[in-house]
Amino acid sequence: MKKAEAVEITEVPRSRGMRIIGVIDLLAGQAVHAQGGCRRAYRPVQMAAGVTIDGDAAALARFYVERCGLGDVYVADLDAIAGGAEQDAPVRSLLSRDTRVWLDAGVSTSAQAQRALDRGVAHIIVGLETLPSLGALRDIVAVAGAAAAFSLDLRDSRPMTTDAAVNNLPVEAIARQAVASGVGTVIVLDVARVGSGQGLDWRLLERVRRAAPAVTLLAGGGVRDAEDLQRLAGIGCDGALVATALHGEKADELLRARRVGH
């Protein structure tokens, strides 16, 4: 394979404004390129803005922290989310004093939340996809406190849930119930849009922002460029989960755009 020319990424000082969280999707111990939510088809990340990754999660984390100047990394343990064993060793390798790790490992009970805290992560993601009920969210928040973040998991703008009581609820109602459970951060994540380049569901994000005006709101799945980041700021989002857009030639432009205010 011909080595790509490295894309120059100017060092960007951490600042207030839109928060960019670099995403690492872990599958069978490797950092993979998520695309469209079809996890069995995910393949290892080979390059990020000209930097060789070859599926090495630690290398991708260094890219986010050292080259992009990010302080936050979102780690999705796809094995655990699918009901398998947690990928403990690769997750622990990503923990450092310079990085706030947001861990999505299919947490659905307070005991799992406590185990994640014991591993030293900064934030525990509680995903709608693996949550048995919204009632269970309150128990998790009681253990994790401000470290708990609720992920409103969607596929093509529809809730991903096994809870029949939630399946037909509008996204605004789900967001309001999550906030009532005590979470201070809500992530709107549409897996069908991940790595697709099709952008975000702006109207849905606006509806969630209106329904949950006081929480930290993050968007994931479909962030393409600086314009998207600026538009997110305009509707009141506080940040975004980003992977593919940081791996390409527009990474520097995207990183500069995070300085926009609300």
Protein backbone atom coordinates (compact mmCIF):
# COMPACT_ATOMS: atom_id res chain seq x y z
CA MET A 1 0.00 0.00 0.00
CA LYS A 2 1.38 3.38 -0.97
CA LYS A 3 1.95 5.56 2.07
CA ALA A 4 -0.19 8.68 1.99
CA GLU A 5 1.40 12.06 2.40
CA ALA A 6 0.92 13.39 5.89
CA VAL A 7 -1.64 16.14 6.20
CA GLU A 8 -0.22 19.08 8.10
CA ILE A 9 -2.22 19.68 11.24
CA THR A 10 -1.28 22.87 12.99
CA GLU A 11 -1.15 22.47 16.74
CA VAL A 12 -4.37 23.94 18.09
CA PRO A 13 -4.41 25.11 21.72
CA ARG A 14 -7.25 23.77 23.82
CA SER A 15 -9.85 26.43 24.31
CA ARG A 16 -13.41 27.08 25.23
CA GLY A 17 -16.10 26.79 22.62
CA MET A 18 -17.21 23.65 20.86
CA ARG A 19 -15.71 20.49 22.32
CA ILE A 20 -14.43 17.92 19.84
CA ILE A 21 -14.16 14.38 21.17
CA GLY A 22 -12.10 12.00 19.08
CA VAL A 23 -13.71 8.59 18.62
CA ILE A 24 -12.03 5.19 18.82
CA ASP A 25 -14.19 2.20 17.94
CA LEU A 26 -12.67 -0.98 19.34
CA LEU A 27 -13.48 -4.33 17.76
CA ALA A 28 -11.52 -7.46 18.71
CA GLY A 29 -8.72 -5.29 20.09
CA GLN A 30 -8.33 -3.07 17.04
CA ALA A 31 -9.34 0.49 16.22
CA VAL A 32 -11.82 0.17 13.36
CA HIS A 33 -13.48 2.55 10.94
CA ALA A 34 -17.15 2.73 11.85
CA GLN A 35 -19.48 3.23 8.94
CA GLY A 36 -23.24 3.02 8.81
CA GLY A 37 -23.67 0.95 11.97
CA CYS A 38 -22.91 -2.39 10.24
CA ARG A 39 -20.35 -3.43 12.82
CA ARG A 40 -19.45 -6.79 11.32
CA ALA A 41 -18.19 -4.95 8.23
CA TYR A 42 -15.94 -2.53 10.11
CA ARG A 43 -12.26 -2.70 9.12
CA PRO A 44 -9.14 -1.43 10.95
CA VAL A 45 -8.28 2.26 10.63
CA GLN A 46 -5.21 2.37 8.38
CA MET A 47 -4.36 6.08 8.28
CA ALA A 48 -5.42 9.28 10.02
CA ALA A 49 -4.48 12.47 8.17
CA GLY A 50 -1.41 10.72 6.77
CA VAL A 51 -0.38 9.15 10.08
CA THR A 52 -0.08 5.37 10.06
CA ILE A 53 -2.51 3.72 12.48
CA ASP A 54 -2.87 0.13 11.21
CA GLY A 55 -5.62 -0.61 13.71
CA ASP A 56 -3.54 0.43 16.74
CA ALA A 57 -5.91 2.11 19.23
CA ALA A 58 -3.02 3.66 21.18
CA ALA A 59 -1.64 5.20 17.97
CA LEU A 60 -5.04 6.67 17.16
CA ALA A 61 -5.32 8.08 20.69
CA ARG A 62 -1.88 9.70 20.31
CA PHE A 63 -3.01 11.20 17.01
CA TYR A 64 -6.03 12.78 18.67
CA VAL A 65 -4.09 14.07 21.68
CA GLU A 66 -0.72 15.05 20.21
CA ARG A 67 -1.57 16.01 16.64
CA CYS A 68 -5.09 17.32 17.10
CA GLY A 69 -4.69 18.75 20.60
CA LEU A 70 -7.81 17.02 21.93
CA GLY A 71 -8.28 16.36 25.62
CA ASP A 72 -11.21 13.96 25.23
CA VAL A 73 -11.36 10.54 23.59
CA TYR A 74 -14.56 8.50 23.24
CA VAL A 75 -13.89 4.75 23.30
CA ALA A 76 -16.66 2.46 22.04
CA ASP A 77 -16.02 -1.13 23.11
CA LEU A 78 -18.04 -2.78 20.34
CA ASP A 79 -17.44 -6.27 21.74
CA ALA A 80 -18.98 -5.33 25.09
CA ILE A 81 -21.82 -3.39 23.46
CA ALA A 82 -22.71 -6.53 21.50
CA GLY A 83 -22.86 -8.54 24.73
CA GLY A 84 -19.34 -9.98 24.64
CA ALA A 85 -16.41 -9.62 27.03
CA GLU A 86 -15.04 -6.18 27.82
CA GLN A 87 -11.80 -5.30 26.06
CA ASP A 88 -10.01 -4.42 29.27
CA ALA A 89 -6.38 -4.36 28.10
CA PRO A 90 -6.82 -2.01 25.10
CA VAL A 91 -9.07 0.30 27.13
CA ARG A 92 -6.55 0.53 29.96
CA SER A 93 -3.80 1.32 27.44
CA LEU A 94 -5.72 4.46 26.46
CA LEU A 95 -5.99 5.86 29.98
CA SER A 96 -3.54 8.65 30.76
CA ARG A 97 -3.32 11.86 32.72
CA ASP A 98 -3.53 13.83 29.47
CA THR A 99 -6.75 12.26 28.25
CA ARG A 100 -10.31 12.19 29.51
CA VAL A 101 -11.71 8.85 28.37
CA TRP A 102 -15.44 8.56 27.66
CA LEU A 103 -16.14 4.83 27.76
CA ASP A 104 -19.07 3.19 26.01
CA ALA A 105 -18.94 -0.48 27.04
CA GLY A 106 -22.60 -1.43 27.13
CA VAL A 107 -23.12 -0.33 30.73
CA SER A 108 -26.65 -1.27 31.79
CA THR A 109 -26.36 -1.78 35.57
CA SER A 110 -24.97 0.13 38.52
CA ALA A 111 -22.40 -2.67 39.09
CA GLN A 112 -21.05 -2.23 35.56
CA ALA A 113 -20.93 1.51 36.10
CA GLN A 114 -18.89 1.05 39.26
CA ARG A 115 -16.48 -1.26 37.43
CA ALA A 116 -15.99 1.37 34.73
CA LEU A 117 -15.28 4.01 37.36
CA ASP A 118 -12.75 1.70 39.00
CA ARG A 119 -10.92 1.47 35.68
CA GLY A 120 -10.31 5.21 35.88
CA VAL A 121 -12.44 6.55 33.04
CA ALA A 122 -13.71 10.12 33.21
CA HIS A 123 -17.17 9.51 31.77
CA ILE A 124 -19.37 6.43 31.51
CA ILE A 125 -21.66 6.22 28.50
CA VAL A 126 -25.06 4.69 29.16
CA GLY A 127 -26.45 3.87 25.74
CA LEU A 128 -30.13 3.52 24.95
CA GLU A 129 -29.22 0.56 22.73
CA THR A 130 -28.12 -1.59 25.69
CA LEU A 131 -30.19 -0.04 28.51
CA PRO A 132 -32.97 -2.41 29.66
CA SER A 133 -35.18 0.50 30.72
CA LEU A 134 -34.98 4.18 31.45
CA GLY A 135 -35.66 3.29 35.07
CA ALA A 136 -32.28 1.54 35.20
CA LEU A 137 -30.64 4.80 34.22
CA ARG A 138 -31.53 6.37 37.57
CA ASP A 139 -29.72 3.56 39.42
CA ILE A 140 -26.63 4.05 37.29
CA VAL A 141 -26.62 7.80 37.86
CA ALA A 142 -26.86 7.17 41.60
CA VAL A 143 -23.50 5.40 41.36
CA ALA A 144 -21.75 7.39 38.64
CA GLY A 145 -23.08 10.86 39.35
CA ALA A 146 -21.79 13.53 36.96
CA ALA A 147 -19.60 10.94 35.23
CA ALA A 148 -22.69 9.37 33.63
CA ALA A 149 -23.60 10.47 30.11
CA PHE A 150 -26.74 9.23 28.36
CA SER A 151 -26.41 8.29 24.69
CA LEU A 152 -29.68 8.65 22.82
CA ASP A 153 -28.85 5.93 20.31
CA LEU A 154 -30.65 6.16 16.97
CA ARG A 155 -30.66 4.42 13.63
CA ASP A 156 -32.03 6.57 10.81
CA SER A 157 -33.42 8.93 13.47
CA ARG A 158 -35.37 6.14 15.21
CA PRO A 159 -34.59 4.99 18.78
CA MET A 160 -32.44 1.88 19.17
CA THR A 161 -33.93 0.11 22.17
CA THR A 162 -35.17 -3.24 23.42
CA ASP A 163 -37.62 -1.51 25.78
CA ALA A 164 -41.09 -1.62 24.21
CA ALA A 165 -42.18 1.25 26.45
CA VAL A 166 -39.55 3.49 24.87
CA ASN A 167 -39.63 2.29 21.28
CA ASN A 168 -42.43 4.56 20.11
CA LEU A 169 -41.61 7.60 22.23
CA PRO A 170 -40.55 10.81 20.48
CA VAL A 171 -36.86 11.55 20.95
CA GLU A 172 -37.74 14.64 22.98
CA ALA A 173 -39.63 12.52 25.51
CA ILE A 174 -36.70 10.12 25.84
CA ALA A 175 -34.32 13.02 26.38
CA ARG A 176 -36.58 14.54 29.03
CA GLN A 177 -36.86 11.23 30.89
CA ALA A 178 -33.07 10.82 30.81
CA VAL A 179 -32.60 14.29 32.26
CA ALA A 180 -35.21 13.52 34.94
CA SER A 181 -33.04 10.52 35.89
CA GLY A 182 -30.24 12.91 36.76
CA VAL A 183 -27.86 12.84 33.79
CA GLY A 184 -26.11 16.09 32.98
CA THR A 185 -24.88 15.09 29.52
CA VAL A 186 -26.91 13.80 26.59
CA ILE A 187 -25.33 12.49 23.39
CA VAL A 188 -27.45 12.20 20.25
CA LEU A 189 -25.84 9.45 18.18
CA ASP A 190 -27.26 8.13 14.92
CA VAL A 191 -25.26 5.02 14.00
CA ALA A 192 -26.61 5.01 10.42
CA ARG A 193 -24.91 8.35 9.84
CA VAL A 194 -21.55 7.37 11.35
CA GLY A 195 -18.78 7.58 8.76
CA SER A 196 -21.35 8.19 6.02
CA GLY A 197 -20.59 11.80 5.15
CA GLN A 198 -24.30 12.58 4.97
CA GLY A 199 -24.37 15.06 7.84
CA LEU A 200 -26.61 15.27 10.87
CA ASP A 201 -30.35 15.37 11.47
CA TRP A 202 -30.50 19.06 12.33
CA ARG A 203 -34.22 19.25 13.13
CA LEU A 204 -33.96 16.31 15.51
CA LEU A 205 -31.01 17.91 17.30
CA GLU A 206 -32.95 21.15 17.65
CA ARG A 207 -35.88 19.25 19.17
CA VAL A 208 -33.61 17.55 21.71
CA ARG A 209 -31.97 20.86 22.59
CA ARG A 210 -35.37 22.43 23.28
CA ALA A 211 -36.46 19.41 25.34
CA ALA A 212 -33.25 19.40 27.41
CA PRO A 213 -32.04 23.00 27.52
CA ALA A 214 -29.94 22.77 30.68
CA VAL A 215 -27.71 19.75 29.96
CA THR A 216 -24.49 19.39 28.00
CA LEU A 217 -25.55 18.28 24.52
CA LEU A 218 -23.18 16.42 22.21
CA ALA A 219 -23.83 15.22 18.66
CA GLY A 220 -22.38 12.13 17.03
CA GLY A 221 -22.68 10.42 13.69
CA GLY A 222 -22.24 12.48 10.53
CA VAL A 223 -20.08 15.49 11.44
CA ARG A 224 -18.32 16.30 8.16
CA ASP A 225 -16.52 19.61 8.41
CA ALA A 226 -16.10 23.02 10.04
CA GLU A 227 -19.43 24.22 8.70
CA ASP A 228 -21.22 21.38 10.50
CA LEU A 229 -19.44 22.25 13.73
CA GLN A 230 -20.44 25.90 13.43
CA ARG A 231 -24.02 24.93 12.72
CA LEU A 232 -24.04 22.70 15.81
CA ALA A 233 -22.91 25.66 17.89
CA GLY A 234 -25.68 27.74 16.36
CA ILE A 235 -28.39 25.37 17.58
CA GLY A 236 -26.90 25.17 21.05
CA CYS A 237 -24.84 21.98 20.99
CA ASP A 238 -21.80 21.94 23.23
CA GLY A 239 -19.65 19.58 21.20
CA ALA A 240 -19.40 16.63 18.86
CA LEU A 241 -18.03 13.11 18.62
CA VAL A 242 -15.82 12.96 15.54
CA ALA A 243 -13.74 10.27 13.85
CA THR A 244 -13.79 10.16 10.03
CA ALA A 245 -13.67 13.93 9.59
CA LEU A 246 -10.51 14.12 11.71
CA HIS A 247 -8.83 11.41 9.65
CA GLY A 248 -9.01 13.36 6.39
CA GLU A 249 -7.54 16.45 4.81
CA LYS A 250 -10.06 18.82 6.42
CA ALA A 251 -8.93 18.00 9.95
CA ASP A 252 -7.11 21.29 10.53
CA GLU A 253 -10.10 23.33 9.36
CA LEU A 254 -12.39 21.37 11.64
CA LEU A 255 -10.12 21.83 14.64
CA ARG A 256 -9.97 25.58 14.13
CA ALA A 257 -13.75 25.75 13.98
CA ARG A 258 -14.09 24.50 17.54
CA ARG A 259 -13.18 27.97 18.75
CA VAL A 260 -16.63 29.21 17.78
CA GLY A 261 -18.81 30.37 20.64
CA HIS A 262 -22.46 29.77 21.40
